[in-house]
PDB file of all heavy atoms in Angstrom:
ATOM      1  N   HIS A   1      24.135  38.085   7.835  1.00  0.00           N
ATOM      2  CA  HIS A   1      23.807  39.383   7.232  1.00  0.00           C
ATOM      3  C   HIS A   1      22.360  39.711   7.568  1.00  0.00           C
ATOM      4  O   HIS A   1      21.436  38.903   7.427  1.00  0.00           O
ATOM      5  CB  HIS A   1      24.020  39.408   5.756  1.00  0.00           C
ATOM      6  CG  HIS A   1      24.143  40.784   5.198  1.00  0.00           C
ATOM      7  ND1 HIS A   1      22.991  41.532   4.982  1.00  0.00           N
ATOM      8  CD2 HIS A   1      25.167  41.481   4.740  1.00  0.00           C
ATOM      9  CE1 HIS A   1      23.345  42.707   4.454  1.00  0.00           C
ATOM     10  NE2 HIS A   1      24.693  42.708   4.303  1.00  0.00           N
ATOM     11  N   ALA A   2      22.126  41.000   7.969  1.00  0.00           N
ATOM     12  CA  ALA A   2      20.773  41.474   8.391  1.00  0.00           C
ATOM     13  C   ALA A   2      19.792  41.322   7.233  1.00  0.00           C
ATOM     14  O   ALA A   2      18.621  41.088   7.479  1.00  0.00           O
ATOM     15  CB  ALA A   2      20.872  42.886   8.857  1.00  0.00           C
ATOM     16  N   ALA A   3      20.219  41.439   5.987  1.00  0.00           N
ATOM     17  CA  ALA A   3      19.301  41.424   4.822  1.00  0.00           C
ATOM     18  C   ALA A   3      18.692  39.999   4.650  1.00  0.00           C
ATOM     19  O   ALA A   3      17.717  39.804   3.943  1.00  0.00           O
ATOM     20  CB  ALA A   3      20.024  41.834   3.574  1.00  0.00           C
ATOM     21  N   ARG A   4      19.279  39.005   5.257  1.00  0.00           N
ATOM     22  CA  ARG A   4      18.725  37.680   5.177  1.00  0.00           C
ATOM     23  C   ARG A   4      17.335  37.532   5.753  1.00  0.00           C
ATOM     24  O   ARG A   4      16.570  36.725   5.414  1.00  0.00           O
ATOM     25  CB  ARG A   4      19.675  36.617   5.771  1.00  0.00           C
ATOM     26  CG  ARG A   4      20.873  36.416   4.867  1.00  0.00           C
ATOM     27  CD  ARG A   4      21.534  35.066   5.088  1.00  0.00           C
ATOM     28  NE  ARG A   4      22.660  34.813   4.209  1.00  0.00           N
ATOM     29  CZ  ARG A   4      22.603  33.995   3.167  1.00  0.00           C
ATOM     30  NH1 ARG A   4      21.527  33.264   2.957  1.00  0.00           N
ATOM     31  NH2 ARG A   4      23.639  33.843   2.447  1.00  0.00           N
ATOM     32  N   THR A   5      17.052  38.442   6.715  1.00  0.00           N
ATOM     33  CA  THR A   5      15.669  38.457   7.277  1.00  0.00           C
ATOM     34  C   THR A   5      14.653  38.934   6.302  1.00  0.00           C
ATOM     35  O   THR A   5      13.432  38.747   6.492  1.00  0.00           O
ATOM     36  CB  THR A   5      15.670  39.446   8.534  1.00  0.00           C
ATOM     37  OG1 THR A   5      15.920  40.680   8.164  1.00  0.00           O
ATOM     38  CG2 THR A   5      16.559  38.951   9.625  1.00  0.00           C
ATOM     39  N   LEU A   6      15.109  39.571   5.180  1.00  0.00           N
ATOM     40  CA  LEU A   6      14.211  39.961   4.078  1.00  0.00           C
ATOM     41  C   LEU A   6      14.223  38.997   2.958  1.00  0.00           C
ATOM     42  O   LEU A   6      13.792  39.296   1.834  1.00  0.00           O
ATOM     43  CB  LEU A   6      14.656  41.368   3.591  1.00  0.00           C
ATOM     44  CG  LEU A   6      14.725  42.476   4.574  1.00  0.00           C
ATOM     45  CD1 LEU A   6      15.379  43.709   4.046  1.00  0.00           C
ATOM     46  CD2 LEU A   6      13.315  42.798   5.130  1.00  0.00           C
ATOM     47  N   ASN A   7      14.701  37.796   3.185  1.00  0.00           N
ATOM     48  CA  ASN A   7      14.866  36.656   2.247  1.00  0.00           C
ATOM     49  C   ASN A   7      15.809  37.032   1.088  1.00  0.00           C
ATOM     50  O   ASN A   7      15.711  36.541  -0.056  1.00  0.00           O
ATOM     51  CB  ASN A   7      13.454  36.360   1.567  1.00  0.00           C
ATOM     52  CG  ASN A   7      12.551  35.720   2.560  1.00  0.00           C
ATOM     53  OD1 ASN A   7      12.947  34.980   3.441  1.00  0.00           O
ATOM     54  ND2 ASN A   7      11.277  36.056   2.513  1.00  0.00           N
ATOM     55  N   CYS A   8      16.815  37.878   1.362  1.00  0.00           N
ATOM     56  CA  CYS A   8      17.861  38.154   0.436  1.00  0.00           C
ATOM     57  C   CYS A   8      19.016  37.234   0.686  1.00  0.00           C
ATOM     58  O   CYS A   8      19.447  37.119   1.845  1.00  0.00           O
ATOM     59  CB  CYS A   8      18.346  39.573   0.558  1.00  0.00           C
ATOM     60  SG  CYS A   8      17.068  40.838   0.185  1.00  0.00           S
ATOM     61  N   THR A   9      19.542  36.585  -0.329  1.00  0.00           N
ATOM     62  CA  THR A   9      20.675  35.722  -0.158  1.00  0.00           C
ATOM     63  C   THR A   9      21.925  36.240  -0.916  1.00  0.00           C
ATOM     64  O   THR A   9      23.036  35.767  -0.623  1.00  0.00           O
ATOM     65  CB  THR A   9      20.349  34.290  -0.636  1.00  0.00           C
ATOM     66  OG1 THR A   9      19.994  34.338  -2.052  1.00  0.00           O
ATOM     67  CG2 THR A   9      19.247  33.630   0.145  1.00  0.00           C
ATOM     68  N   THR A  10      21.732  37.246  -1.780  1.00  0.00           N
ATOM     69  CA  THR A  10      22.866  37.741  -2.575  1.00  0.00           C
ATOM     70  C   THR A  10      22.769  39.259  -2.502  1.00  0.00           C
ATOM     71  O   THR A  10      21.755  39.866  -2.190  1.00  0.00           O
ATOM     72  CB  THR A  10      22.825  37.320  -4.058  1.00  0.00           C
ATOM     73  OG1 THR A  10      21.646  37.904  -4.616  1.00  0.00           O
ATOM     74  CG2 THR A  10      22.795  35.795  -4.202  1.00  0.00           C
ATOM     75  N   ILE A  11      23.918  39.952  -2.912  1.00  0.00           N
ATOM     76  CA  ILE A  11      23.913  41.396  -2.975  1.00  0.00           C
ATOM     77  C   ILE A  11      22.974  41.875  -4.003  1.00  0.00           C
ATOM     78  O   ILE A  11      22.250  42.877  -3.811  1.00  0.00           O
ATOM     79  CB  ILE A  11      25.368  41.873  -3.299  1.00  0.00           C
ATOM     80  CG1 ILE A  11      26.302  41.492  -2.167  1.00  0.00           C
ATOM     81  CG2 ILE A  11      25.430  43.352  -3.526  1.00  0.00           C
ATOM     82  CD1 ILE A  11      27.784  41.809  -2.392  1.00  0.00           C
ATOM     83  N   ALA A  12      22.771  41.080  -5.129  1.00  0.00           N
ATOM     84  CA  ALA A  12      21.775  41.486  -6.113  1.00  0.00           C
ATOM     85  C   ALA A  12      20.394  41.489  -5.598  1.00  0.00           C
ATOM     86  O   ALA A  12      19.598  42.376  -5.898  1.00  0.00           O
ATOM     87  CB  ALA A  12      21.934  40.533  -7.326  1.00  0.00           C
ATOM     88  N   ASP A  13      20.114  40.545  -4.679  1.00  0.00           N
ATOM     89  CA  ASP A  13      18.761  40.521  -4.035  1.00  0.00           C
ATOM     90  C   ASP A  13      18.548  41.751  -3.182  1.00  0.00           C
ATOM     91  O   ASP A  13      17.418  42.337  -3.188  1.00  0.00           O
ATOM     92  CB  ASP A  13      18.672  39.316  -3.079  1.00  0.00           C
ATOM     93  CG  ASP A  13      18.569  37.980  -3.820  1.00  0.00           C
ATOM     94  OD1 ASP A  13      18.249  37.938  -5.013  1.00  0.00           O
ATOM     95  OD2 ASP A  13      18.874  36.937  -3.168  1.00  0.00           O
ATOM     96  N   VAL A  14      19.612  42.167  -2.496  1.00  0.00           N
ATOM     97  CA  VAL A  14      19.554  43.446  -1.710  1.00  0.00           C
ATOM     98  C   VAL A  14      19.201  44.634  -2.581  1.00  0.00           C
ATOM     99  O   VAL A  14      18.405  45.436  -2.234  1.00  0.00           O
ATOM    100  CB  VAL A  14      20.843  43.638  -0.812  1.00  0.00           C
ATOM    101  CG1 VAL A  14      20.796  44.970  -0.113  1.00  0.00           C
ATOM    102  CG2 VAL A  14      21.030  42.486   0.107  1.00  0.00           C
ATOM    103  N   CYS A  15      19.897  44.707  -3.688  1.00  0.00           N
ATOM    104  CA  CYS A  15      19.735  45.791  -4.683  1.00  0.00           C
ATOM    105  C   CYS A  15      18.249  45.840  -5.162  1.00  0.00           C
ATOM    106  O   CYS A  15      17.653  46.910  -5.098  1.00  0.00           O
ATOM    107  CB  CYS A  15      20.668  45.624  -5.862  1.00  0.00           C
ATOM    108  SG  CYS A  15      20.565  46.918  -7.040  1.00  0.00           S
ATOM    109  N   ARG A  16      17.674  44.716  -5.508  1.00  0.00           N
ATOM    110  CA  ARG A  16      16.355  44.607  -5.953  1.00  0.00           C
ATOM    111  C   ARG A  16      15.380  45.054  -4.870  1.00  0.00           C
ATOM    112  O   ARG A  16      14.427  45.812  -5.141  1.00  0.00           O
ATOM    113  CB  ARG A  16      15.959  43.231  -6.506  1.00  0.00           C
ATOM    114  CG  ARG A  16      16.432  42.964  -7.854  1.00  0.00           C
ATOM    115  CD  ARG A  16      15.925  41.649  -8.388  1.00  0.00           C
ATOM    116  NE  ARG A  16      16.539  40.469  -7.733  1.00  0.00           N
ATOM    117  CZ  ARG A  16      17.668  39.965  -8.105  1.00  0.00           C
ATOM    118  NH1 ARG A  16      18.314  40.462  -9.093  1.00  0.00           N
ATOM    119  NH2 ARG A  16      18.181  38.911  -7.422  1.00  0.00           N
ATOM    120  N   GLU A  17      15.581  44.562  -3.634  1.00  0.00           N
ATOM    121  CA  GLU A  17      14.711  44.905  -2.543  1.00  0.00           C
ATOM    122  C   GLU A  17      14.747  46.356  -2.235  1.00  0.00           C
ATOM    123  O   GLU A  17      13.706  47.027  -1.989  1.00  0.00           O
ATOM    124  CB  GLU A  17      15.138  44.096  -1.263  1.00  0.00           C
ATOM    125  CG  GLU A  17      14.194  44.260  -0.097  1.00  0.00           C
ATOM    126  CD  GLU A  17      12.770  43.739  -0.393  1.00  0.00           C
ATOM    127  OE1 GLU A  17      12.572  42.845  -1.155  1.00  0.00           O
ATOM    128  OE2 GLU A  17      11.878  44.402   0.259  1.00  0.00           O
ATOM    129  N   ARG A  18      15.950  46.962  -2.259  1.00  0.00           N
ATOM    130  CA  ARG A  18      16.027  48.447  -2.011  1.00  0.00           C
ATOM    131  C   ARG A  18      15.262  49.236  -3.048  1.00  0.00           C
ATOM    132  O   ARG A  18      14.618  50.174  -2.748  1.00  0.00           O
ATOM    133  CB  ARG A  18      17.543  48.819  -1.969  1.00  0.00           C
ATOM    134  CG  ARG A  18      17.711  50.276  -1.751  1.00  0.00           C
ATOM    135  CD  ARG A  18      19.184  50.682  -1.661  1.00  0.00           C
ATOM    136  NE  ARG A  18      19.367  51.977  -1.203  1.00  0.00           N
ATOM    137  CZ  ARG A  18      20.507  52.454  -0.743  1.00  0.00           C
ATOM    138  NH1 ARG A  18      21.548  51.690  -0.660  1.00  0.00           N
ATOM    139  NH2 ARG A  18      20.588  53.706  -0.284  1.00  0.00           N
ATOM    140  N   LEU A  19      15.378  48.786  -4.324  1.00  0.00           N
ATOM    141  CA  LEU A  19      14.744  49.561  -5.358  1.00  0.00           C
ATOM    142  C   LEU A  19      13.274  49.390  -5.241  1.00  0.00           C
ATOM    143  O   LEU A  19      12.497  50.343  -5.485  1.00  0.00           O
ATOM    144  CB  LEU A  19      15.240  49.121  -6.774  1.00  0.00           C
ATOM    145  CG  LEU A  19      16.707  49.457  -7.054  1.00  0.00           C
ATOM    146  CD1 LEU A  19      17.143  48.873  -8.417  1.00  0.00           C
ATOM    147  CD2 LEU A  19      16.920  50.969  -7.058  1.00  0.00           C
ATOM    148  N   LYS A  20      12.755  48.263  -4.925  1.00  0.00           N
ATOM    149  CA  LYS A  20      11.306  48.021  -4.748  1.00  0.00           C
ATOM    150  C   LYS A  20      10.830  49.031  -3.696  1.00  0.00           C
ATOM    151  O   LYS A  20       9.777  49.656  -3.888  1.00  0.00           O
ATOM    152  CB  LYS A  20      11.029  46.634  -4.321  1.00  0.00           C
ATOM    153  CG  LYS A  20      11.015  45.582  -5.339  1.00  0.00           C
ATOM    154  CD  LYS A  20      10.572  44.301  -4.740  1.00  0.00           C
ATOM    155  CE  LYS A  20      11.403  43.143  -5.295  1.00  0.00           C
ATOM    156  NZ  LYS A  20      11.028  41.889  -4.671  1.00  0.00           N
ATOM    157  N   ARG A  21      11.539  49.037  -2.576  1.00  0.00           N
ATOM    158  CA  ARG A  21      11.045  49.953  -1.509  1.00  0.00           C
ATOM    159  C   ARG A  21      11.164  51.453  -1.880  1.00  0.00           C
ATOM    160  O   ARG A  21      10.250  52.219  -1.469  1.00  0.00           O
ATOM    161  CB  ARG A  21      11.940  49.655  -0.229  1.00  0.00           C
ATOM    162  CG  ARG A  21      11.602  48.298   0.366  1.00  0.00           C
ATOM    163  CD  ARG A  21      12.568  47.898   1.355  1.00  0.00           C
ATOM    164  NE  ARG A  21      12.385  46.538   1.885  1.00  0.00           N
ATOM    165  CZ  ARG A  21      11.861  46.316   3.102  1.00  0.00           C
ATOM    166  NH1 ARG A  21      11.695  47.252   3.967  1.00  0.00           N
ATOM    167  NH2 ARG A  21      11.677  45.083   3.452  1.00  0.00           N
ATOM    168  N   ALA A  22      12.195  51.790  -2.585  1.00  0.00           N
ATOM    169  CA  ALA A  22      12.356  53.210  -3.046  1.00  0.00           C
ATOM    170  C   ALA A  22      11.237  53.579  -3.925  1.00  0.00           C
ATOM    171  O   ALA A  22      10.642  54.695  -3.805  1.00  0.00           O
ATOM    172  CB  ALA A  22      13.723  53.335  -3.748  1.00  0.00           C
ATOM    173  N   PHE A  23      10.843  52.750  -4.899  1.00  0.00           N
ATOM    174  CA  PHE A  23       9.781  53.104  -5.845  1.00  0.00           C
ATOM    175  C   PHE A  23       8.427  53.133  -5.086  1.00  0.00           C
ATOM    176  O   PHE A  23       7.595  53.948  -5.387  1.00  0.00           O
ATOM    177  CB  PHE A  23       9.758  52.178  -6.988  1.00  0.00           C
ATOM    178  CG  PHE A  23      10.760  52.539  -8.069  1.00  0.00           C
ATOM    179  CD1 PHE A  23      12.048  52.005  -8.083  1.00  0.00           C
ATOM    180  CD2 PHE A  23      10.404  53.385  -9.072  1.00  0.00           C
ATOM    181  CE1 PHE A  23      12.917  52.356  -9.086  1.00  0.00           C
ATOM    182  CE2 PHE A  23      11.241  53.789 -10.093  1.00  0.00           C
ATOM    183  CZ  PHE A  23      12.470  53.294 -10.035  1.00  0.00           C
ATOM    184  N   GLU A  24       8.239  52.241  -4.116  1.00  0.00           N
ATOM    185  CA  GLU A  24       7.001  52.233  -3.265  1.00  0.00           C
ATOM    186  C   GLU A  24       6.892  53.527  -2.532  1.00  0.00           C
ATOM    187  O   GLU A  24       5.829  54.161  -2.464  1.00  0.00           O
ATOM    188  CB  GLU A  24       6.963  51.034  -2.383  1.00  0.00           C
ATOM    189  CG  GLU A  24       6.650  49.756  -3.093  1.00  0.00           C
ATOM    190  CD  GLU A  24       6.812  48.584  -2.120  1.00  0.00           C
ATOM    191  OE1 GLU A  24       7.027  48.757  -0.868  1.00  0.00           O
ATOM    192  OE2 GLU A  24       6.659  47.431  -2.585  1.00  0.00           O
ATOM    193  N   ARG A  25       8.008  54.018  -1.914  1.00  0.00           N
ATOM    194  CA  ARG A  25       8.028  55.249  -1.134  1.00  0.00           C
ATOM    195  C   ARG A  25       7.723  56.422  -2.017  1.00  0.00           C
ATOM    196  O   ARG A  25       7.041  57.342  -1.659  1.00  0.00           O
ATOM    197  CB  ARG A  25       9.346  55.494  -0.478  1.00  0.00           C
ATOM    198  CG  ARG A  25       9.495  54.762   0.816  1.00  0.00           C
ATOM    199  CD  ARG A  25      10.693  55.361   1.605  1.00  0.00           C
ATOM    200  NE  ARG A  25      11.953  55.348   0.827  1.00  0.00           N
ATOM    201  CZ  ARG A  25      12.803  54.381   0.629  1.00  0.00           C
ATOM    202  NH1 ARG A  25      12.577  53.230   1.189  1.00  0.00           N
ATOM    203  NH2 ARG A  25      13.891  54.526  -0.084  1.00  0.00           N
ATOM    204  N   SER A  26       8.236  56.392  -3.254  1.00  0.00           N
ATOM    205  CA  SER A  26       8.077  57.606  -4.118  1.00  0.00           C
ATOM    206  C   SER A  26       6.653  57.601  -4.815  1.00  0.00           C
ATOM    207  O   SER A  26       6.295  58.627  -5.393  1.00  0.00           O
ATOM    208  CB  SER A  26       9.174  57.621  -5.221  1.00  0.00           C
ATOM    209  OG  SER A  26       8.874  56.621  -6.182  1.00  0.00           O
ATOM    210  N   LYS A  27       5.976  56.467  -4.660  1.00  0.00           N
ATOM    211  CA  LYS A  27       4.678  56.311  -5.306  1.00  0.00           C
ATOM    212  C   LYS A  27       4.733  56.634  -6.793  1.00  0.00           C
ATOM    213  O   LYS A  27       3.837  57.234  -7.415  1.00  0.00           O
ATOM    214  CB  LYS A  27       3.625  57.189  -4.620  1.00  0.00           C
ATOM    215  CG  LYS A  27       3.400  56.778  -3.150  1.00  0.00           C
ATOM    216  CD  LYS A  27       2.302  57.566  -2.546  1.00  0.00           C
ATOM    217  CE  LYS A  27       1.956  57.139  -1.141  1.00  0.00           C
ATOM    218  NZ  LYS A  27       2.982  56.970  -0.194  1.00  0.00           N
ATOM    219  N   SER A  28       5.860  56.347  -7.404  1.00  0.00           N
ATOM    220  CA  SER A  28       6.130  56.613  -8.790  1.00  0.00           C
ATOM    221  C   SER A  28       5.318  55.684  -9.656  1.00  0.00           C
ATOM    222  O   SER A  28       5.078  54.512  -9.268  1.00  0.00           O
ATOM    223  CB  SER A  28       7.617  56.388  -9.101  1.00  0.00           C
ATOM    224  OG  SER A  28       7.859  56.458 -10.464  1.00  0.00           O
ATOM    225  N   ARG A  29       4.882  56.125 -10.816  1.00  0.00           N
ATOM    226  CA  ARG A  29       4.129  55.271 -11.758  1.00  0.00           C
ATOM    227  C   ARG A  29       5.099  54.397 -12.531  1.00  0.00           C
ATOM    228  O   ARG A  29       4.698  53.524 -13.254  1.00  0.00           O
ATOM    229  CB  ARG A  29       3.334  56.115 -12.716  1.00  0.00           C
ATOM    230  CG  ARG A  29       2.166  56.825 -12.020  1.00  0.00           C
ATOM    231  CD  ARG A  29       1.342  57.486 -13.061  1.00  0.00           C
ATOM    232  NE  ARG A  29       0.753  58.668 -12.522  1.00  0.00           N
ATOM    233  CZ  ARG A  29       0.098  59.548 -13.179  1.00  0.00           C
ATOM    234  NH1 ARG A  29      -0.094  59.386 -14.485  1.00  0.00           N
ATOM    235  NH2 ARG A  29      -0.386  60.639 -12.587  1.00  0.00           N
ATOM    236  N   THR A  30       6.391  54.757 -12.427  1.00  0.00           N
ATOM    237  CA  THR A  30       7.359  53.928 -13.113  1.00  0.00           C
ATOM    238  C   THR A  30       7.874  52.825 -12.204  1.00  0.00           C
ATOM    239  O   THR A  30       7.517  52.752 -11.023  1.00  0.00           O
ATOM    240  CB  THR A  30       8.526  54.788 -13.570  1.00  0.00           C
ATOM    241  OG1 THR A  30       9.164  55.376 -12.451  1.00  0.00           O
ATOM    242  CG2 THR A  30       8.073  55.883 -14.520  1.00  0.00           C
ATOM    243  N   GLY A  31       8.704  52.032 -12.739  1.00  0.00           N
ATOM    244  CA  GLY A  31       9.216  50.950 -12.014  1.00  0.00           C
ATOM    245  C   GLY A  31      10.597  50.551 -12.590  1.00  0.00           C
ATOM    246  O   GLY A  31      11.166  51.282 -13.278  1.00  0.00           O
ATOM    247  N   PHE A  32      10.927  49.279 -12.320  1.00  0.00           N
ATOM    248  CA  PHE A  32      12.191  48.763 -12.852  1.00  0.00           C
ATOM    249  C   PHE A  32      11.996  47.301 -13.314  1.00  0.00           C
ATOM    250  O   PHE A  32      11.091  46.610 -12.817  1.00  0.00           O
ATOM    251  CB  PHE A  32      13.377  48.907 -11.915  1.00  0.00           C
ATOM    252  CG  PHE A  32      13.265  48.095 -10.714  1.00  0.00           C
ATOM    253  CD1 PHE A  32      13.949  46.827 -10.650  1.00  0.00           C
ATOM    254  CD2 PHE A  32      12.507  48.483  -9.623  1.00  0.00           C
ATOM    255  CE1 PHE A  32      13.862  46.024  -9.550  1.00  0.00           C
ATOM    256  CE2 PHE A  32      12.412  47.617  -8.489  1.00  0.00           C
ATOM    257  CZ  PHE A  32      13.085  46.466  -8.453  1.00  0.00           C
ATOM    258  N   LYS A  33      12.887  46.867 -14.161  1.00  0.00           N
ATOM    259  CA  LYS A  33      12.928  45.500 -14.611  1.00  0.00           C
ATOM    260  C   LYS A  33      14.218  44.906 -14.047  1.00  0.00           C
ATOM    261  O   LYS A  33      15.235  45.613 -14.050  1.00  0.00           O
ATOM    262  CB  LYS A  33      12.927  45.348 -16.122  1.00  0.00           C
ATOM    263  CG  LYS A  33      11.585  45.790 -16.731  1.00  0.00           C
ATOM    264  CD  LYS A  33      11.651  45.675 -18.225  1.00  0.00           C
ATOM    265  CE  LYS A  33      10.366  46.138 -18.815  1.00  0.00           C
ATOM    266  NZ  LYS A  33      10.356  46.077 -20.267  1.00  0.00           N
ATOM    267  N   SER A  34      14.137  43.640 -13.637  1.00  0.00           N
ATOM    268  CA  SER A  34      15.329  42.971 -13.155  1.00  0.00           C
ATOM    269  C   SER A  34      15.529  41.688 -13.973  1.00  0.00           C
ATOM    270  O   SER A  34      14.580  40.943 -14.185  1.00  0.00           O
ATOM    271  CB  SER A  34      15.115  42.571 -11.684  1.00  0.00           C
ATOM    272  OG  SER A  34      16.221  41.880 -11.202  1.00  0.00           O
ATOM    273  N   PHE A  35      16.746  41.504 -14.421  1.00  0.00           N
ATOM    274  CA  PHE A  35      17.076  40.283 -15.213  1.00  0.00           C
ATOM    275  C   PHE A  35      18.142  39.485 -14.427  1.00  0.00           C
ATOM    276  O   PHE A  35      19.063  40.084 -13.865  1.00  0.00           O
ATOM    277  CB  PHE A  35      17.617  40.677 -16.539  1.00  0.00           C
ATOM    278  CG  PHE A  35      16.610  41.500 -17.374  1.00  0.00           C
ATOM    279  CD1 PHE A  35      16.624  42.851 -17.314  1.00  0.00           C
ATOM    280  CD2 PHE A  35      15.686  40.820 -18.163  1.00  0.00           C
ATOM    281  CE1 PHE A  35      15.703  43.596 -18.104  1.00  0.00           C
ATOM    282  CE2 PHE A  35      14.788  41.555 -18.909  1.00  0.00           C
ATOM    283  CZ  PHE A  35      14.733  42.900 -18.871  1.00  0.00           C
ATOM    284  N   ILE A  36      18.003  38.173 -14.448  1.00  0.00           N
ATOM    285  CA  ILE A  36      18.980  37.289 -13.857  1.00  0.00           C
ATOM    286  C   ILE A  36      19.567  36.534 -14.974  1.00  0.00           C
ATOM    287  O   ILE A  36      18.826  35.854 -15.732  1.00  0.00           O
ATOM    288  CB  ILE A  36      18.306  36.421 -12.782  1.00  0.00           C
ATOM    289  CG1 ILE A  36      17.758  37.289 -11.704  1.00  0.00           C
ATOM    290  CG2 ILE A  36      19.329  35.398 -12.286  1.00  0.00           C
ATOM    291  CD1 ILE A  36      16.920  36.478 -10.673  1.00  0.00           C
ATOM    292  N   LEU A  37      20.871  36.586 -15.135  1.00  0.00           N
ATOM    293  CA  LEU A  37      21.560  35.842 -16.139  1.00  0.00           C
ATOM    294  C   LEU A  37      21.748  34.375 -15.683  1.00  0.00           C
ATOM    295  O   LEU A  37      22.091  34.108 -14.523  1.00  0.00           O
ATOM    296  CB  LEU A  37      22.901  36.506 -16.471  1.00  0.00           C
ATOM    297  CG  LEU A  37      22.828  37.890 -17.031  1.00  0.00           C
ATOM    298  CD1 LEU A  37      24.194  38.390 -17.346  1.00  0.00           C
ATOM    299  CD2 LEU A  37      21.956  37.929 -18.313  1.00  0.00           C
ATOM    300  N   ALA A  38      21.502  33.474 -16.604  1.00  0.00           N
ATOM    301  CA  ALA A  38      21.735  32.036 -16.295  1.00  0.00           C
ATOM    302  C   ALA A  38      22.888  31.561 -17.105  1.00  0.00           C
ATOM    303  O   ALA A  38      23.160  32.047 -18.201  1.00  0.00           O
ATOM    304  CB  ALA A  38      20.497  31.271 -16.657  1.00  0.00           C
ATOM    305  N   PRO A  39      23.593  30.541 -16.592  1.00  0.00           N
ATOM    306  CA  PRO A  39      24.667  29.939 -17.414  1.00  0.00           C
ATOM    307  C   PRO A  39      24.183  29.355 -18.664  1.00  0.00           C
ATOM    308  O   PRO A  39      23.052  28.872 -18.758  1.00  0.00           O
ATOM    309  CB  PRO A  39      25.309  28.927 -16.484  1.00  0.00           C
ATOM    310  CG  PRO A  39      24.409  28.735 -15.388  1.00  0.00           C
ATOM    311  CD  PRO A  39      23.437  29.898 -15.405  1.00  0.00           C
ATOM    312  N   GLU A  40      25.041  29.430 -19.736  1.00  0.00           N
ATOM    313  CA  GLU A  40      24.624  28.842 -20.994  1.00  0.00           C
ATOM    314  C   GLU A  40      24.567  27.332 -20.852  1.00  0.00           C
ATOM    315  O   GLU A  40      25.427  26.768 -20.258  1.00  0.00           O
ATOM    316  CB  GLU A  40      25.685  29.245 -22.035  1.00  0.00           C
ATOM    317  CG  GLU A  40      25.315  28.852 -23.422  1.00  0.00           C
ATOM    318  CD  GLU A  40      26.268  29.383 -24.429  1.00  0.00           C
ATOM    319  OE1 GLU A  40      27.026  30.334 -24.176  1.00  0.00           O
ATOM    320  OE2 GLU A  40      26.306  28.757 -25.519  1.00  0.00           O
TER     321      GLU A  40
END
């Protein structure tokens, strides 16, 4: 997958990377939080 060149190994990684880039382009003062659930 082409996204592996961006150190993405999962679809969730691709989502986070896309949002980082979108917020950088918009120069928004806001951002987003990302949570990774772990097994109990």
